[in-house]
Amino acid sequence: MLHIGCHLSSSRGFAAMGRQAAELGADTFQCFLRNPRGSRAKELDTADAGALADFLRREGFAPIIAHAPYILNLCGASEENRAFAREIFADDLRRLEHLPGQLYNFHPGSHVGQGMEAGITLIAQALNALLTPEQTTTVLLETMPGKGSEVGGRFEELREILDRVDLGEKMGVCLDTCHVFDGGYDIVGDLDGVLTEFDRVIGLERLRAVHLNDSKNGCGSRKDRHACIGEGQIGLEALSRVVRHPALRHLPFCLETPNDLPGYRREIALMRRAAEE
């Protein structure tokens, strides 16, 4: 069975997102816990979070994904910026403990001229300060397209971070199809080869979720422009092979395509049909 959902707005509350996801034909979803381009977050409604946790269990949802805000950069150039990122990260993890067993995905960051080694070191140091043995949330490093000074454009960079995190069992990876394609991994012409490389470098057991997106740009472009399914350079046929792949089909898939809710409903149904072919 394909576990698939889309990105939903949290403005109506946790329980409302669960109901909305089910109405769209989804059995997982992704959301931000605060302003994605800022630091502001509403006061946590613990009763609402508890209602969503009950709904997820009752309806048999796959783990849902909370996405860190885009401004979070654990390897920023200044300690002030890094401390700000750690504060947001820690608060999001505290909130997620009211929804036990879910996923927290973040862009590893940009080293902004400090160099890749420095960026990797700072990210790992931050994670070692933030993760706790008691947490139920699994933190996911997202694969990135490698534009500018981004960390995470190569599998080896993610592996370096994972190797330096003390509580490695609390960590995983989210594979973004647009990002890996833009980063030079040819999931159109050689999906098996890309997954073999992922397994060799990181280990497929670390892969915990997939962002399912088409790309407006070609393989190796190092851009980050998502397209609707079948409307980009990856294409429906290749993305159908992704959801059918035996190494991936058990994972939660989340659409981050430039869509409205009716568009997400169509794509969820489209990919469910593709998974059964």
Protein backbone atom coordinates (compact mmCIF):
# COMPACT_ATOMS: atom_id res chain seq x y z
CA MET A 1 0.00 0.00 0.00
CA LEU A 2 1.31 3.44 -0.96
CA HIS A 3 1.48 5.91 1.95
CA ILE A 4 1.13 9.33 0.36
CA GLY A 5 0.10 12.84 1.32
CA CYS A 6 0.89 16.47 0.68
CA HIS A 7 1.91 19.65 2.44
CA LEU A 8 -0.95 21.21 4.44
CA SER A 9 -1.35 24.50 6.25
CA SER A 10 -1.44 24.24 10.03
CA SER A 11 -3.45 27.47 10.41
CA ARG A 12 -6.68 25.56 11.19
CA GLY A 13 -5.04 23.36 13.81
CA PHE A 14 -3.66 19.85 14.09
CA ALA A 15 -6.85 17.80 14.11
CA ALA A 16 -8.23 19.74 11.13
CA MET A 17 -5.13 18.79 9.11
CA GLY A 18 -5.73 15.12 9.79
CA ARG A 19 -9.33 15.35 8.60
CA GLN A 20 -8.29 17.39 5.55
CA ALA A 21 -5.62 14.86 4.61
CA ALA A 22 -8.14 12.01 4.79
CA GLU A 23 -10.58 13.98 2.62
CA LEU A 24 -7.83 14.31 0.00
CA GLY A 25 -7.26 10.55 -0.03
CA ALA A 26 -4.00 10.84 1.93
CA ASP A 27 -2.71 8.75 4.81
CA THR A 28 0.18 11.03 5.78
CA PHE A 29 0.95 14.73 5.41
CA GLN A 30 3.57 17.39 6.03
CA CYS A 31 3.22 20.75 7.78
CA PHE A 32 5.16 23.58 9.36
CA LEU A 33 4.84 24.09 13.10
CA ARG A 34 5.45 27.83 12.74
CA ASN A 35 5.90 30.52 10.10
CA PRO A 36 8.11 28.81 7.47
CA ARG A 37 10.06 32.02 6.81
CA GLY A 38 10.06 33.33 10.36
CA SER A 39 10.24 32.23 13.96
CA ARG A 40 6.74 32.94 15.22
CA ALA A 41 4.63 30.02 16.42
CA LYS A 42 1.20 29.88 17.98
CA GLU A 43 0.86 28.64 21.54
CA LEU A 44 0.58 24.88 21.44
CA ASP A 45 -2.94 23.52 21.92
CA THR A 46 -2.15 20.21 23.62
CA ALA A 47 -5.76 18.99 23.36
CA ASP A 48 -5.72 19.61 19.60
CA ALA A 49 -2.39 17.78 19.28
CA GLY A 50 -3.81 14.88 21.29
CA ALA A 51 -6.86 14.75 19.01
CA LEU A 52 -4.59 14.49 15.97
CA ALA A 53 -2.49 11.75 17.62
CA ASP A 54 -5.69 9.76 18.27
CA PHE A 55 -6.85 10.34 14.67
CA LEU A 56 -3.55 9.14 13.20
CA ARG A 57 -3.66 5.94 15.22
CA ARG A 58 -7.33 5.29 14.52
CA GLU A 59 -7.06 5.89 10.76
CA GLY A 60 -3.79 3.97 10.35
CA PHE A 61 -1.76 6.91 9.04
CA ALA A 62 1.92 6.54 8.26
CA PRO A 63 4.21 8.89 10.22
CA ILE A 64 3.62 12.56 9.40
CA ILE A 65 6.40 15.04 8.69
CA ALA A 66 6.92 18.37 10.42
CA HIS A 67 9.17 20.57 8.29
CA ALA A 68 11.60 23.00 9.92
CA PRO A 69 11.28 26.64 8.80
CA TYR A 70 13.39 27.58 5.79
CA ILE A 71 15.33 30.22 7.71
CA LEU A 72 16.79 27.66 10.10
CA ASN A 73 20.54 27.30 9.49
CA LEU A 74 22.49 25.29 12.05
CA CYS A 75 25.78 26.13 10.30
CA GLY A 76 25.27 29.88 9.82
CA ALA A 77 28.28 32.18 9.85
CA SER A 78 27.51 33.81 13.20
CA GLU A 79 26.91 32.21 16.58
CA GLU A 80 23.86 34.45 16.98
CA ASN A 81 22.26 32.92 13.88
CA ARG A 82 23.19 29.39 14.93
CA ALA A 83 21.77 29.94 18.44
CA PHE A 84 18.54 31.25 16.90
CA ALA A 85 18.30 28.11 14.74
CA ARG A 86 18.95 25.81 17.72
CA GLU A 87 16.23 27.56 19.72
CA ILE A 88 13.63 27.06 16.97
CA PHE A 89 14.73 23.45 16.42
CA ALA A 90 14.49 22.64 20.13
CA ASP A 91 11.04 24.22 20.44
CA ASP A 92 9.76 22.26 17.43
CA LEU A 93 11.05 19.01 18.94
CA ARG A 94 9.29 19.82 22.23
CA ARG A 95 6.03 20.41 20.36
CA LEU A 96 6.35 17.15 18.44
CA GLU A 97 6.49 15.12 21.64
CA HIS A 98 2.74 15.78 21.86
CA LEU A 99 2.51 13.77 18.59
CA PRO A 100 4.70 10.76 19.46
CA GLY A 101 6.59 8.86 16.79
CA GLN A 102 6.56 11.40 13.97
CA LEU A 103 9.29 12.85 11.70
CA TYR A 104 11.04 16.24 11.75
CA ASN A 105 12.65 17.19 8.44
CA PHE A 106 15.15 20.01 7.94
CA HIS A 107 17.44 21.40 5.29
CA PRO A 108 20.94 20.79 6.66
CA GLY A 109 21.99 24.39 6.04
CA SER A 110 24.42 26.58 4.12
CA HIS A 111 28.01 27.04 5.23
CA VAL A 112 28.04 30.58 3.74
CA GLY A 113 31.70 30.58 2.83
CA GLN A 114 33.04 28.75 5.88
CA GLY A 115 33.65 25.61 3.82
CA MET A 116 31.89 22.25 3.68
CA GLU A 117 33.92 20.71 6.51
CA ALA A 118 33.07 23.58 8.86
CA GLY A 119 29.41 23.38 7.88
CA ILE A 120 29.22 19.64 8.53
CA THR A 121 30.98 20.04 11.88
CA LEU A 122 28.60 22.80 13.04
CA ILE A 123 25.49 20.85 12.02
CA ALA A 124 26.65 17.73 13.86
CA GLN A 125 27.58 19.74 16.96
CA ALA A 126 24.13 21.32 17.00
CA LEU A 127 22.38 17.97 16.64
CA ASN A 128 24.44 16.55 19.49
CA ALA A 129 23.26 19.45 21.66
CA LEU A 130 19.60 19.10 20.59
CA LEU A 131 18.80 15.39 20.44
CA THR A 132 17.81 13.53 23.59
CA PRO A 133 17.55 9.81 24.37
CA GLU A 134 13.92 10.29 25.45
CA GLN A 135 12.58 11.88 22.27
CA THR A 136 10.22 9.85 20.09
CA THR A 137 10.70 12.03 16.98
CA THR A 138 13.10 10.95 14.24
CA VAL A 139 15.03 13.90 12.76
CA LEU A 140 15.56 13.79 9.00
CA LEU A 141 18.32 15.38 6.96
CA GLU A 142 16.88 16.32 3.57
CA THR A 143 18.80 15.66 0.36
CA MET A 144 19.55 19.00 -1.29
CA PRO A 145 20.30 20.10 -4.88
CA GLY A 146 23.69 21.53 -3.88
CA LYS A 147 23.17 25.13 -5.00
CA GLY A 148 25.53 27.75 -3.64
CA SER A 149 26.99 26.78 -0.28
CA GLU A 150 24.29 24.25 0.61
CA VAL A 151 25.29 21.24 2.67
CA GLY A 152 23.67 17.97 1.63
CA GLY A 153 23.94 18.06 -2.14
CA ARG A 154 25.95 14.83 -2.07
CA PHE A 155 25.14 11.66 -0.16
CA GLU A 156 28.64 11.72 1.32
CA GLU A 157 27.92 15.03 3.06
CA LEU A 158 24.84 13.62 4.76
CA ARG A 159 26.80 10.54 5.80
CA GLU A 160 29.49 12.73 7.37
CA ILE A 161 26.86 14.44 9.51
CA LEU A 162 25.22 11.16 10.52
CA ASP A 163 28.57 9.66 11.49
CA ARG A 164 29.21 12.52 13.92
CA VAL A 165 25.83 12.43 15.70
CA ASP A 166 26.01 10.57 18.98
CA LEU A 167 22.33 9.54 19.03
CA GLY A 168 22.36 8.16 15.51
CA GLU A 169 19.25 6.08 16.14
CA LYS A 170 17.26 9.34 16.32
CA MET A 171 18.35 10.34 12.79
CA GLY A 172 17.31 9.51 9.25
CA VAL A 173 17.17 10.95 5.74
CA CYS A 174 14.37 12.32 3.56
CA LEU A 175 15.03 11.88 -0.16
CA ASP A 176 13.62 14.71 -2.29
CA THR A 177 13.22 13.59 -5.90
CA CYS A 178 13.57 17.11 -7.33
CA HIS A 179 16.62 17.83 -5.20
CA VAL A 180 18.53 14.64 -5.94
CA PHE A 181 17.79 14.96 -9.67
CA ASP A 182 18.91 18.59 -9.71
CA GLY A 183 21.94 17.52 -7.68
CA GLY A 184 23.08 15.15 -10.43
CA TYR A 185 21.61 11.80 -9.37
CA ASP A 186 19.82 10.45 -12.45
CA ILE A 187 16.65 8.91 -11.02
CA VAL A 188 15.13 8.99 -14.51
CA GLY A 189 17.73 6.91 -16.32
CA ASP A 190 19.18 4.91 -13.42
CA LEU A 191 16.95 4.81 -10.34
CA ASP A 192 18.41 1.47 -9.25
CA GLY A 193 21.92 2.87 -9.53
CA VAL A 194 21.04 5.94 -7.46
CA LEU A 195 19.48 3.82 -4.72
CA THR A 196 22.46 1.46 -4.78
CA GLU A 197 24.73 4.47 -4.29
CA PHE A 198 22.53 5.75 -1.47
CA ASP A 199 22.71 2.35 0.19
CA ARG A 200 26.49 2.18 -0.22
CA VAL A 201 27.12 5.65 1.19
CA ILE A 202 24.33 6.11 3.75
CA GLY A 203 22.36 2.87 4.01
CA LEU A 204 18.77 2.40 2.87
CA GLU A 205 17.78 1.64 6.46
CA ARG A 206 18.37 5.35 7.14
CA LEU A 207 15.85 6.43 4.49
CA ARG A 208 12.64 7.29 6.32
CA ALA A 209 10.59 9.47 3.93
CA VAL A 210 10.41 10.73 0.33
CA HIS A 211 9.43 14.15 -0.99
CA LEU A 212 7.79 13.33 -4.32
CA ASN A 213 8.30 16.23 -6.72
CA ASP A 214 8.92 16.80 -10.39
CA SER A 215 11.64 19.29 -11.39
CA LYS A 216 11.50 22.30 -13.68
CA ASN A 217 15.21 21.85 -14.42
CA GLY A 218 17.43 19.11 -15.78
CA CYS A 219 19.62 16.57 -14.03
CA GLY A 220 22.63 18.24 -12.44
CA SER A 221 21.24 21.78 -12.80
CA ARG A 222 21.73 22.45 -9.06
CA LYS A 223 18.50 24.46 -8.97
CA ASP A 224 15.51 23.97 -6.66
CA ARG A 225 12.33 24.52 -8.68
CA HIS A 226 9.62 21.98 -8.02
CA ALA A 227 7.06 21.11 -10.71
CA CYS A 228 3.75 19.29 -10.61
CA ILE A 229 3.88 15.55 -11.26
CA GLY A 230 4.41 14.87 -14.95
CA GLU A 231 5.01 18.52 -15.83
CA GLY A 232 8.77 18.63 -15.33
CA GLN A 233 12.04 17.07 -16.40
CA ILE A 234 11.63 13.94 -14.26
CA GLY A 235 8.21 13.00 -15.57
CA LEU A 236 5.34 10.77 -14.53
CA GLU A 237 6.89 7.51 -15.75
CA ALA A 238 10.04 7.96 -13.68
CA LEU A 239 8.15 9.08 -10.58
CA SER A 240 5.83 6.09 -10.97
CA ARG A 241 8.90 3.86 -10.82
CA VAL A 242 9.90 5.64 -7.60
CA VAL A 243 6.62 4.85 -5.80
CA ARG A 244 6.68 1.25 -7.07
CA HIS A 245 10.30 0.56 -6.14
CA PRO A 246 10.49 -2.25 -3.56
CA ALA A 247 13.14 -0.39 -1.55
CA LEU A 248 10.87 2.67 -1.20
CA ARG A 249 7.22 1.65 -1.37
CA HIS A 250 6.88 1.18 2.41
CA LEU A 251 7.93 4.79 3.13
CA PRO A 252 5.70 7.84 3.59
CA PHE A 253 5.68 9.96 0.40
CA CYS A 254 4.84 13.64 0.57
CA LEU A 255 4.01 15.88 -2.39
CA GLU A 256 5.57 19.35 -2.32
CA THR A 257 4.39 20.29 -5.80
CA PRO A 258 3.14 23.83 -6.61
CA ASN A 259 -0.52 22.93 -6.17
CA ASP A 260 -3.82 23.85 -4.58
CA LEU A 261 -5.84 21.26 -2.65
CA PRO A 262 -7.79 19.97 -5.70
CA GLY A 263 -4.45 19.57 -7.47
CA TYR A 264 -3.07 17.60 -4.55
CA ARG A 265 -6.18 15.40 -4.57
CA ARG A 266 -5.57 14.61 -8.26
CA GLU A 267 -1.87 13.88 -7.72
CA ILE A 268 -2.53 11.63 -4.72
CA ALA A 269 -5.02 9.61 -6.78
CA LEU A 270 -2.65 9.58 -9.77
CA MET A 271 0.27 8.22 -7.75
CA ARG A 272 -1.92 5.64 -5.99
CA ARG A 273 -2.93 4.30 -9.41
CA ALA A 274 0.70 4.36 -10.56
CA ALA A 275 1.78 2.37 -7.50
CA GLU A 276 -0.66 -0.40 -8.37
CA GLU A 277 0.35 -0.78 -12.01
